[in-house]
Amino acid sequence: DAKPEESFQFERHGYFVADRKDSV
């Protein structure tokens, strides 16, 4: 349910963002 440009820390891996262009 992540919205475009919503950022999260994926535990152990780093910081990730829902792509603002390709996410639906």
mmCIF file of all heavy atoms, coordinates in Angstrom:
data_MODEL
# 
_entry.id   MODEL 
# 
loop_
_atom_site.group_PDB 
_atom_site.id 
_atom_site.type_symbol 
_atom_site.label_atom_id 
_atom_site.label_alt_id 
_atom_site.label_comp_id 
_atom_site.label_asym_id 
_atom_site.label_entity_id 
_atom_site.label_seq_id 
_atom_site.pdbx_PDB_ins_code 
_atom_site.Cartn_x 
_atom_site.Cartn_y 
_atom_site.Cartn_z 
_atom_site.occupancy 
_atom_site.B_iso_or_equiv 
_atom_site.pdbx_formal_charge 
_atom_site.auth_seq_id 
_atom_site.auth_comp_id 
_atom_site.auth_asym_id 
_atom_site.auth_atom_id 
_atom_site.pdbx_PDB_model_num 
ATOM 1   N N   . ASP A 1 1  ? 0.810  -1.220  0.000   1.00 0.00 ? 1  ASP A N   1 
ATOM 2   C CA  . ASP A 1 1  ? 0.000  0.000   0.000   1.00 0.00 ? 1  ASP A CA  1 
ATOM 3   C C   . ASP A 1 1  ? 0.844  1.273   0.000   1.00 0.00 ? 1  ASP A C   1 
ATOM 4   O O   . ASP A 1 1  ? 0.306  2.368   0.179   1.00 0.00 ? 1  ASP A O   1 
ATOM 5   C CB  . ASP A 1 1  ? -0.922 0.002   1.230   1.00 0.00 ? 1  ASP A CB  1 
ATOM 6   C CG  . ASP A 1 1  ? -1.899 -1.164  1.215   1.00 0.00 ? 1  ASP A CG  1 
ATOM 7   O OD1 . ASP A 1 1  ? -2.379 -1.514  0.124   1.00 0.00 ? 1  ASP A OD1 1 
ATOM 8   O OD2 . ASP A 1 1  ? -2.173 -1.729  2.297   1.00 0.00 ? 1  ASP A OD2 1 
ATOM 9   N N   . ALA A 1 2  ? 2.155  1.140   -0.168  1.00 0.00 ? 2  ALA A N   1 
ATOM 10  C CA  . ALA A 1 2  ? 3.024  2.322   -0.169  1.00 0.00 ? 2  ALA A CA  1 
ATOM 11  C C   . ALA A 1 2  ? 2.649  3.260   -1.304  1.00 0.00 ? 2  ALA A C   1 
ATOM 12  O O   . ALA A 1 2  ? 2.378  2.842   -2.424  1.00 0.00 ? 2  ALA A O   1 
ATOM 13  C CB  . ALA A 1 2  ? 4.482  1.900   -0.292  1.00 0.00 ? 2  ALA A CB  1 
ATOM 14  N N   . LYS A 1 3  ? 2.646  4.540   -1.011  1.00 0.00 ? 3  LYS A N   1 
ATOM 15  C CA  . LYS A 1 3  ? 2.310  5.565   -2.003  1.00 0.00 ? 3  LYS A CA  1 
ATOM 16  C C   . LYS A 1 3  ? 3.586  6.079   -2.669  1.00 0.00 ? 3  LYS A C   1 
ATOM 17  O O   . LYS A 1 3  ? 4.662  6.052   -2.066  1.00 0.00 ? 3  LYS A O   1 
ATOM 18  C CB  . LYS A 1 3  ? 1.554  6.712   -1.336  1.00 0.00 ? 3  LYS A CB  1 
ATOM 19  C CG  . LYS A 1 3  ? 0.208  6.297   -0.751  1.00 0.00 ? 3  LYS A CG  1 
ATOM 20  C CD  . LYS A 1 3  ? -0.463 7.461   -0.050  1.00 0.00 ? 3  LYS A CD  1 
ATOM 21  C CE  . LYS A 1 3  ? -1.850 7.077   0.441   1.00 0.00 ? 3  LYS A CE  1 
ATOM 22  N NZ  . LYS A 1 3  ? -1.823 5.940   1.370   1.00 0.00 ? 3  LYS A NZ  1 
ATOM 23  N N   . PRO A 1 4  ? 3.492  6.537   -3.905  1.00 0.00 ? 4  PRO A N   1 
ATOM 24  C CA  . PRO A 1 4  ? 4.672  7.092   -4.576  1.00 0.00 ? 4  PRO A CA  1 
ATOM 25  C C   . PRO A 1 4  ? 5.365  8.140   -3.709  1.00 0.00 ? 4  PRO A C   1 
ATOM 26  O O   . PRO A 1 4  ? 4.702  8.976   -3.095  1.00 0.00 ? 4  PRO A O   1 
ATOM 27  C CB  . PRO A 1 4  ? 4.096  7.706   -5.851  1.00 0.00 ? 4  PRO A CB  1 
ATOM 28  C CG  . PRO A 1 4  ? 2.875  6.891   -6.133  1.00 0.00 ? 4  PRO A CG  1 
ATOM 29  C CD  . PRO A 1 4  ? 2.296  6.568   -4.781  1.00 0.00 ? 4  PRO A CD  1 
ATOM 30  N N   . GLU A 1 5  ? 6.686  8.063   -3.640  1.00 0.00 ? 5  GLU A N   1 
ATOM 31  C CA  . GLU A 1 5  ? 7.560  8.956   -2.886  1.00 0.00 ? 5  GLU A CA  1 
ATOM 32  C C   . GLU A 1 5  ? 7.512  8.707   -1.379  1.00 0.00 ? 5  GLU A C   1 
ATOM 33  O O   . GLU A 1 5  ? 8.078  9.477   -0.617  1.00 0.00 ? 5  GLU A O   1 
ATOM 34  C CB  . GLU A 1 5  ? 7.287  10.423  -3.201  1.00 0.00 ? 5  GLU A CB  1 
ATOM 35  C CG  . GLU A 1 5  ? 7.609  10.803  -4.632  1.00 0.00 ? 5  GLU A CG  1 
ATOM 36  C CD  . GLU A 1 5  ? 7.671  12.292  -4.853  1.00 0.00 ? 5  GLU A CD  1 
ATOM 37  O OE1 . GLU A 1 5  ? 6.612  12.899  -5.116  1.00 0.00 ? 5  GLU A OE1 1 
ATOM 38  O OE2 . GLU A 1 5  ? 8.780  12.854  -4.764  1.00 0.00 ? 5  GLU A OE2 1 
ATOM 39  N N   . GLU A 1 6  ? 6.878  7.629   -0.943  1.00 0.00 ? 6  GLU A N   1 
ATOM 40  C CA  . GLU A 1 6  ? 6.898  7.277   0.468   1.00 0.00 ? 6  GLU A CA  1 
ATOM 41  C C   . GLU A 1 6  ? 8.170  6.483   0.748   1.00 0.00 ? 6  GLU A C   1 
ATOM 42  O O   . GLU A 1 6  ? 8.467  5.509   0.056   1.00 0.00 ? 6  GLU A O   1 
ATOM 43  C CB  . GLU A 1 6  ? 5.663  6.461   0.822   1.00 0.00 ? 6  GLU A CB  1 
ATOM 44  C CG  . GLU A 1 6  ? 5.396  6.355   2.311   1.00 0.00 ? 6  GLU A CG  1 
ATOM 45  C CD  . GLU A 1 6  ? 4.044  5.742   2.634   1.00 0.00 ? 6  GLU A CD  1 
ATOM 46  O OE1 . GLU A 1 6  ? 3.327  5.330   1.690   1.00 0.00 ? 6  GLU A OE1 1 
ATOM 47  O OE2 . GLU A 1 6  ? 3.711  5.670   3.835   1.00 0.00 ? 6  GLU A OE2 1 
ATOM 48  N N   . SER A 1 7  ? 8.915  6.894   1.766   1.00 0.00 ? 7  SER A N   1 
ATOM 49  C CA  . SER A 1 7  ? 10.213 6.289   2.067   1.00 0.00 ? 7  SER A CA  1 
ATOM 50  C C   . SER A 1 7  ? 10.149 5.407   3.300   1.00 0.00 ? 7  SER A C   1 
ATOM 51  O O   . SER A 1 7  ? 9.404  5.688   4.255   1.00 0.00 ? 7  SER A O   1 
ATOM 52  C CB  . SER A 1 7  ? 11.274 7.371   2.283   1.00 0.00 ? 7  SER A CB  1 
ATOM 53  O OG  . SER A 1 7  ? 11.575 8.032   1.076   1.00 0.00 ? 7  SER A OG  1 
ATOM 54  N N   . PHE A 1 8  ? 10.966 4.350   3.279   1.00 0.00 ? 8  PHE A N   1 
ATOM 55  C CA  . PHE A 1 8  ? 11.053 3.422   4.397   1.00 0.00 ? 8  PHE A CA  1 
ATOM 56  C C   . PHE A 1 8  ? 12.504 2.991   4.575   1.00 0.00 ? 8  PHE A C   1 
ATOM 57  O O   . PHE A 1 8  ? 13.286 3.012   3.630   1.00 0.00 ? 8  PHE A O   1 
ATOM 58  C CB  . PHE A 1 8  ? 10.218 2.158   4.133   1.00 0.00 ? 8  PHE A CB  1 
ATOM 59  C CG  . PHE A 1 8  ? 8.760  2.425   3.896   1.00 0.00 ? 8  PHE A CG  1 
ATOM 60  C CD1 . PHE A 1 8  ? 8.282  2.621   2.601   1.00 0.00 ? 8  PHE A CD1 1 
ATOM 61  C CD2 . PHE A 1 8  ? 7.871  2.489   4.957   1.00 0.00 ? 8  PHE A CD2 1 
ATOM 62  C CE1 . PHE A 1 8  ? 6.945  2.872   2.379   1.00 0.00 ? 8  PHE A CE1 1 
ATOM 63  C CE2 . PHE A 1 8  ? 6.522  2.736   4.738   1.00 0.00 ? 8  PHE A CE2 1 
ATOM 64  C CZ  . PHE A 1 8  ? 6.058  2.927   3.449   1.00 0.00 ? 8  PHE A CZ  1 
ATOM 65  N N   . GLN A 1 9  ? 12.812 2.572   5.800   1.00 0.00 ? 9  GLN A N   1 
ATOM 66  C CA  . GLN A 1 9  ? 14.052 1.832   6.002   1.00 0.00 ? 9  GLN A CA  1 
ATOM 67  C C   . GLN A 1 9  ? 13.707 0.354   5.907   1.00 0.00 ? 9  GLN A C   1 
ATOM 68  O O   . GLN A 1 9  ? 12.896 -0.148  6.680   1.00 0.00 ? 9  GLN A O   1 
ATOM 69  C CB  . GLN A 1 9  ? 14.683 2.106   7.357   1.00 0.00 ? 9  GLN A CB  1 
ATOM 70  C CG  . GLN A 1 9  ? 16.019 1.390   7.531   1.00 0.00 ? 9  GLN A CG  1 
ATOM 71  C CD  . GLN A 1 9  ? 16.497 1.317   8.960   1.00 0.00 ? 9  GLN A CD  1 
ATOM 72  O OE1 . GLN A 1 9  ? 16.375 0.301   9.630   1.00 0.00 ? 9  GLN A OE1 1 
ATOM 73  N NE2 . GLN A 1 9  ? 17.059 2.442   9.444   1.00 0.00 ? 9  GLN A NE2 1 
ATOM 74  N N   . PHE A 1 10 ? 14.296 -0.331  4.916   1.00 0.00 ? 10 PHE A N   1 
ATOM 75  C CA  . PHE A 1 10 ? 14.196 -1.778  4.873   1.00 0.00 ? 10 PHE A CA  1 
ATOM 76  C C   . PHE A 1 10 ? 15.263 -2.303  5.839   1.00 0.00 ? 10 PHE A C   1 
ATOM 77  O O   . PHE A 1 10 ? 16.461 -2.107  5.610   1.00 0.00 ? 10 PHE A O   1 
ATOM 78  C CB  . PHE A 1 10 ? 14.453 -2.318  3.464   1.00 0.00 ? 10 PHE A CB  1 
ATOM 79  C CG  . PHE A 1 10 ? 13.339 -2.050  2.481   1.00 0.00 ? 10 PHE A CG  1 
ATOM 80  C CD1 . PHE A 1 10 ? 12.188 -1.366  2.860   1.00 0.00 ? 10 PHE A CD1 1 
ATOM 81  C CD2 . PHE A 1 10 ? 13.447 -2.490  1.168   1.00 0.00 ? 10 PHE A CD2 1 
ATOM 82  C CE1 . PHE A 1 10 ? 11.159 -1.128  1.953   1.00 0.00 ? 10 PHE A CE1 1 
ATOM 83  C CE2 . PHE A 1 10 ? 12.432 -2.254  0.252   1.00 0.00 ? 10 PHE A CE2 1 
ATOM 84  C CZ  . PHE A 1 10 ? 11.285 -1.570  0.644   1.00 0.00 ? 10 PHE A CZ  1 
ATOM 85  N N   . GLU A 1 11 ? 14.828 -2.933  6.920   1.00 0.00 ? 11 GLU A N   1 
ATOM 86  C CA  . GLU A 1 11 ? 15.742 -3.322  7.984   1.00 0.00 ? 11 GLU A CA  1 
ATOM 87  C C   . GLU A 1 11 ? 16.925 -4.117  7.439   1.00 0.00 ? 11 GLU A C   1 
ATOM 88  O O   . GLU A 1 11 ? 16.759 -5.029  6.643   1.00 0.00 ? 11 GLU A O   1 
ATOM 89  C CB  . GLU A 1 11 ? 14.990 -4.115  9.044   1.00 0.00 ? 11 GLU A CB  1 
ATOM 90  C CG  . GLU A 1 11 ? 13.916 -3.287  9.742   1.00 0.00 ? 11 GLU A CG  1 
ATOM 91  C CD  . GLU A 1 11 ? 13.223 -4.039  10.862  1.00 0.00 ? 11 GLU A CD  1 
ATOM 92  O OE1 . GLU A 1 11 ? 13.737 -5.104  11.268  1.00 0.00 ? 11 GLU A OE1 1 
ATOM 93  O OE2 . GLU A 1 11 ? 12.185 -3.565  11.333  1.00 0.00 ? 11 GLU A OE2 1 
ATOM 94  N N   . ARG A 1 12 ? 18.106 -3.700  7.864   1.00 0.00 ? 12 ARG A N   1 
ATOM 95  C CA  . ARG A 1 12 ? 19.396 -4.291  7.477   1.00 0.00 ? 12 ARG A CA  1 
ATOM 96  C C   . ARG A 1 12 ? 19.873 -3.884  6.093   1.00 0.00 ? 12 ARG A C   1 
ATOM 97  O O   . ARG A 1 12 ? 21.039 -4.044  5.769   1.00 0.00 ? 12 ARG A O   1 
ATOM 98  C CB  . ARG A 1 12 ? 19.369 -5.826  7.555   1.00 0.00 ? 12 ARG A CB  1 
ATOM 99  C CG  . ARG A 1 12 ? 19.495 -6.392  8.946   1.00 0.00 ? 12 ARG A CG  1 
ATOM 100 C CD  . ARG A 1 12 ? 19.484 -7.916  8.941   1.00 0.00 ? 12 ARG A CD  1 
ATOM 101 N NE  . ARG A 1 12 ? 20.475 -8.476  8.030   1.00 0.00 ? 12 ARG A NE  1 
ATOM 102 C CZ  . ARG A 1 12 ? 20.476 -9.750  7.662   1.00 0.00 ? 12 ARG A CZ  1 
ATOM 103 N NH1 . ARG A 1 12 ? 19.536 -10.572 8.080   1.00 0.00 ? 12 ARG A NH1 1 
ATOM 104 N NH2 . ARG A 1 12 ? 21.415 -10.199 6.842   1.00 0.00 ? 12 ARG A NH2 1 
ATOM 105 N N   . HIS A 1 13 ? 18.998 -3.346  5.248   1.00 0.00 ? 13 HIS A N   1 
ATOM 106 C CA  . HIS A 1 13 ? 19.373 -3.112  3.856   1.00 0.00 ? 13 HIS A CA  1 
ATOM 107 C C   . HIS A 1 13 ? 19.632 -1.637  3.514   1.00 0.00 ? 13 HIS A C   1 
ATOM 108 O O   . HIS A 1 13 ? 20.489 -1.344  2.689   1.00 0.00 ? 13 HIS A O   1 
ATOM 109 C CB  . HIS A 1 13 ? 18.296 -3.642  2.922   1.00 0.00 ? 13 HIS A CB  1 
ATOM 110 C CG  . HIS A 1 13 ? 18.169 -5.121  2.930   1.00 0.00 ? 13 HIS A CG  1 
ATOM 111 N ND1 . HIS A 1 13 ? 19.209 -5.964  2.614   1.00 0.00 ? 13 HIS A ND1 1 
ATOM 112 C CD2 . HIS A 1 13 ? 17.116 -5.928  3.237   1.00 0.00 ? 13 HIS A CD2 1 
ATOM 113 C CE1 . HIS A 1 13 ? 18.813 -7.222  2.705   1.00 0.00 ? 13 HIS A CE1 1 
ATOM 114 N NE2 . HIS A 1 13 ? 17.549 -7.227  3.102   1.00 0.00 ? 13 HIS A NE2 1 
ATOM 115 N N   . GLY A 1 14 ? 18.873 -0.722  4.087   1.00 0.00 ? 14 GLY A N   1 
ATOM 116 C CA  . GLY A 1 14 ? 19.038 0.674   3.722   1.00 0.00 ? 14 GLY A CA  1 
ATOM 117 C C   . GLY A 1 14 ? 17.697 1.366   3.604   1.00 0.00 ? 14 GLY A C   1 
ATOM 118 O O   . GLY A 1 14 ? 16.656 0.881   4.075   1.00 0.00 ? 14 GLY A O   1 
ATOM 119 N N   . TYR A 1 15 ? 17.721 2.512   2.921   1.00 0.00 ? 15 TYR A N   1 
ATOM 120 C CA  . TYR A 1 15 ? 16.523 3.325   2.769   1.00 0.00 ? 15 TYR A CA  1 
ATOM 121 C C   . TYR A 1 15 ? 16.022 3.216   1.330   1.00 0.00 ? 15 TYR A C   1 
ATOM 122 O O   . TYR A 1 15 ? 16.801 3.298   0.376   1.00 0.00 ? 15 TYR A O   1 
ATOM 123 C CB  . TYR A 1 15 ? 16.824 4.779   3.144   1.00 0.00 ? 15 TYR A CB  1 
ATOM 124 C CG  . TYR A 1 15 ? 17.224 4.896   4.601   1.00 0.00 ? 15 TYR A CG  1 
ATOM 125 C CD1 . TYR A 1 15 ? 18.573 4.915   4.974   1.00 0.00 ? 15 TYR A CD1 1 
ATOM 126 C CD2 . TYR A 1 15 ? 16.262 4.943   5.601   1.00 0.00 ? 15 TYR A CD2 1 
ATOM 127 C CE1 . TYR A 1 15 ? 18.941 4.984   6.313   1.00 0.00 ? 15 TYR A CE1 1 
ATOM 128 C CE2 . TYR A 1 15 ? 16.624 5.021   6.940   1.00 0.00 ? 15 TYR A CE2 1 
ATOM 129 C CZ  . TYR A 1 15 ? 17.960 5.035   7.288   1.00 0.00 ? 15 TYR A CZ  1 
ATOM 130 O OH  . TYR A 1 15 ? 18.318 5.094   8.612   1.00 0.00 ? 15 TYR A OH  1 
ATOM 131 N N   . PHE A 1 16 ? 14.721 3.040   1.200   1.00 0.00 ? 16 PHE A N   1 
ATOM 132 C CA  . PHE A 1 16 ? 14.101 2.819   -0.097  1.00 0.00 ? 16 PHE A CA  1 
ATOM 133 C C   . PHE A 1 16 ? 12.877 3.724   -0.238  1.00 0.00 ? 16 PHE A C   1 
ATOM 134 O O   . PHE A 1 16 ? 12.231 4.079   0.752   1.00 0.00 ? 16 PHE A O   1 
ATOM 135 C CB  . PHE A 1 16 ? 13.684 1.353   -0.249  1.00 0.00 ? 16 PHE A CB  1 
ATOM 136 C CG  . PHE A 1 16 ? 14.835 0.391   -0.334  1.00 0.00 ? 16 PHE A CG  1 
ATOM 137 C CD1 . PHE A 1 16 ? 15.581 0.072   0.797   1.00 0.00 ? 16 PHE A CD1 1 
ATOM 138 C CD2 . PHE A 1 16 ? 15.178 -0.207  -1.534  1.00 0.00 ? 16 PHE A CD2 1 
ATOM 139 C CE1 . PHE A 1 16 ? 16.653 -0.816  0.739   1.00 0.00 ? 16 PHE A CE1 1 
ATOM 140 C CE2 . PHE A 1 16 ? 16.249 -1.102  -1.618  1.00 0.00 ? 16 PHE A CE2 1 
ATOM 141 C CZ  . PHE A 1 16 ? 16.981 -1.402  -0.475  1.00 0.00 ? 16 PHE A CZ  1 
ATOM 142 N N   . VAL A 1 17 ? 12.561 4.057   -1.483  1.00 0.00 ? 17 VAL A N   1 
ATOM 143 C CA  . VAL A 1 17 ? 11.416 4.923   -1.751  1.00 0.00 ? 17 VAL A CA  1 
ATOM 144 C C   . VAL A 1 17 ? 10.565 4.295   -2.841  1.00 0.00 ? 17 VAL A C   1 
ATOM 145 O O   . VAL A 1 17 ? 11.083 3.665   -3.767  1.00 0.00 ? 17 VAL A O   1 
ATOM 146 C CB  . VAL A 1 17 ? 11.887 6.331   -2.183  1.00 0.00 ? 17 VAL A CB  1 
ATOM 147 C CG1 . VAL A 1 17 ? 12.621 6.298   -3.520  1.00 0.00 ? 17 VAL A CG1 1 
ATOM 148 C CG2 . VAL A 1 17 ? 10.717 7.313   -2.243  1.00 0.00 ? 17 VAL A CG2 1 
ATOM 149 N N   . ALA A 1 18 ? 9.249  4.448   -2.727  1.00 0.00 ? 18 ALA A N   1 
ATOM 150 C CA  . ALA A 1 18 ? 8.348  3.996   -3.778  1.00 0.00 ? 18 ALA A CA  1 
ATOM 151 C C   . ALA A 1 18 ? 8.505  4.940   -4.968  1.00 0.00 ? 18 ALA A C   1 
ATOM 152 O O   . ALA A 1 18 ? 8.326  6.157   -4.836  1.00 0.00 ? 18 ALA A O   1 
ATOM 153 C CB  . ALA A 1 18 ? 6.901  3.989   -3.287  1.00 0.00 ? 18 ALA A CB  1 
ATOM 154 N N   . ASP A 1 19 ? 8.879  4.389   -6.108  1.00 0.00 ? 19 ASP A N   1 
ATOM 155 C CA  . ASP A 1 19 ? 9.177  5.196   -7.286  1.00 0.00 ? 19 ASP A CA  1 
ATOM 156 C C   . ASP A 1 19 ? 7.987  6.076   -7.667  1.00 0.00 ? 19 ASP A C   1 
ATOM 157 O O   . ASP A 1 19 ? 6.856  5.589   -7.782  1.00 0.00 ? 19 ASP A O   1 
ATOM 158 C CB  . ASP A 1 19 ? 9.530  4.283   -8.466  1.00 0.00 ? 19 ASP A CB  1 
ATOM 159 C CG  . ASP A 1 19 ? 10.053 5.052   -9.647  1.00 0.00 ? 19 ASP A CG  1 
ATOM 160 O OD1 . ASP A 1 19 ? 9.226  5.528   -10.462 1.00 0.00 ? 19 ASP A OD1 1 
ATOM 161 O OD2 . ASP A 1 19 ? 11.280 5.198   -9.766  1.00 0.00 ? 19 ASP A OD2 1 
ATOM 162 N N   . ARG A 1 20 ? 8.245  7.373   -7.848  1.00 0.00 ? 20 ARG A N   1 
ATOM 163 C CA  . ARG A 1 20 ? 7.168  8.321   -8.122  1.00 0.00 ? 20 ARG A CA  1 
ATOM 164 C C   . ARG A 1 20 ? 6.630  8.206   -9.540  1.00 0.00 ? 20 ARG A C   1 
ATOM 165 O O   . ARG A 1 20 ? 5.558  8.741   -9.842  1.00 0.00 ? 20 ARG A O   1 
ATOM 166 C CB  . ARG A 1 20 ? 7.640  9.749   -7.855  1.00 0.00 ? 20 ARG A CB  1 
ATOM 167 C CG  . ARG A 1 20 ? 8.718  10.275  -8.801  1.00 0.00 ? 20 ARG A CG  1 
ATOM 168 C CD  . ARG A 1 20 ? 9.273  11.614  -8.325  1.00 0.00 ? 20 ARG A CD  1 
ATOM 169 N NE  . ARG A 1 20 ? 8.252  12.629  -8.233  1.00 0.00 ? 20 ARG A NE  1 
ATOM 170 C CZ  . ARG A 1 20 ? 8.079  13.595  -9.140  1.00 0.00 ? 20 ARG A CZ  1 
ATOM 171 N NH1 . ARG A 1 20 ? 8.872  13.656  -10.200 1.00 0.00 ? 20 ARG A NH1 1 
ATOM 172 N NH2 . ARG A 1 20 ? 7.135  14.497  -8.990  1.00 0.00 ? 20 ARG A NH2 1 
ATOM 173 N N   . LYS A 1 21 ? 7.353  7.526   -10.419 1.00 0.00 ? 21 LYS A N   1 
ATOM 174 C CA  . LYS A 1 21 ? 6.960  7.449   -11.820 1.00 0.00 ? 21 LYS A CA  1 
ATOM 175 C C   . LYS A 1 21 ? 6.357  6.091   -12.171 1.00 0.00 ? 21 LYS A C   1 
ATOM 176 O O   . LYS A 1 21 ? 5.340  6.029   -12.876 1.00 0.00 ? 21 LYS A O   1 
ATOM 177 C CB  . LYS A 1 21 ? 8.184  7.724   -12.700 1.00 0.00 ? 21 LYS A CB  1 
ATOM 178 C CG  . LYS A 1 21 ? 7.919  7.776   -14.191 1.00 0.00 ? 21 LYS A CG  1 
ATOM 179 C CD  . LYS A 1 21 ? 9.197  8.171   -14.934 1.00 0.00 ? 21 LYS A CD  1 
ATOM 180 C CE  . LYS A 1 21 ? 8.992  8.261   -16.427 1.00 0.00 ? 21 LYS A CE  1 
ATOM 181 N NZ  . LYS A 1 21 ? 10.251 8.667   -17.122 1.00 0.00 ? 21 LYS A NZ  1 
ATOM 182 N N   . ASP A 1 22 ? 6.937  5.011   -11.714 1.00 0.00 ? 22 ASP A N   1 
ATOM 183 C CA  . ASP A 1 22 ? 6.532  3.672   -12.131 1.00 0.00 ? 22 ASP A CA  1 
ATOM 184 C C   . ASP A 1 22 ? 5.619  2.955   -11.143 1.00 0.00 ? 22 ASP A C   1 
ATOM 185 O O   . ASP A 1 22 ? 5.076  1.903   -11.468 1.00 0.00 ? 22 ASP A O   1 
ATOM 186 C CB  . ASP A 1 22 ? 7.770  2.803   -12.380 1.00 0.00 ? 22 ASP A CB  1 
ATOM 187 C CG  . ASP A 1 22 ? 8.586  3.306   -13.565 1.00 0.00 ? 22 ASP A CG  1 
ATOM 188 O OD1 . ASP A 1 22 ? 8.002  3.971   -14.435 1.00 0.00 ? 22 ASP A OD1 1 
ATOM 189 O OD2 . ASP A 1 22 ? 9.802  3.044   -13.612 1.00 0.00 ? 22 ASP A OD2 1 
ATOM 190 N N   . SER A 1 23 ? 5.463  3.495   -9.944  1.00 0.00 ? 23 SER A N   1 
ATOM 191 C CA  . SER A 1 23 ? 4.576  2.858   -8.977  1.00 0.00 ? 23 SER A CA  1 
ATOM 192 C C   . SER A 1 23 ? 3.114  3.124   -9.330  1.00 0.00 ? 23 SER A C   1 
ATOM 193 O O   . SER A 1 23 ? 2.759  4.222   -9.770  1.00 0.00 ? 23 SER A O   1 
ATOM 194 C CB  . SER A 1 23 ? 4.854  3.382   -7.562  1.00 0.00 ? 23 SER A CB  1 
ATOM 195 O OG  . SER A 1 23 ? 6.137  3.009   -7.131  1.00 0.00 ? 23 SER A OG  1 
ATOM 196 N N   . VAL A 1 24 ? 2.278  2.103   -9.142  1.00 0.00 ? 24 VAL A N   1 
ATOM 197 C CA  . VAL A 1 24 ? 0.832  2.254   -9.301  1.00 0.00 ? 24 VAL A CA  1 
ATOM 198 C C   . VAL A 1 24 ? 0.173  1.741   -8.029  1.00 0.00 ? 24 VAL A C   1 
ATOM 199 O O   . VAL A 1 24 ? 0.793  1.046   -7.222  1.00 0.00 ? 24 VAL A O   1 
ATOM 200 C CB  . VAL A 1 24 ? 0.304  1.474   -10.530 1.00 0.00 ? 24 VAL A CB  1 
ATOM 201 C CG1 . VAL A 1 24 ? 0.896  2.023   -11.808 1.00 0.00 ? 24 VAL A CG1 1 
ATOM 202 C CG2 . VAL A 1 24 ? 0.625  -0.012  -10.406 1.00 0.00 ? 24 VAL A CG2 1 
# 
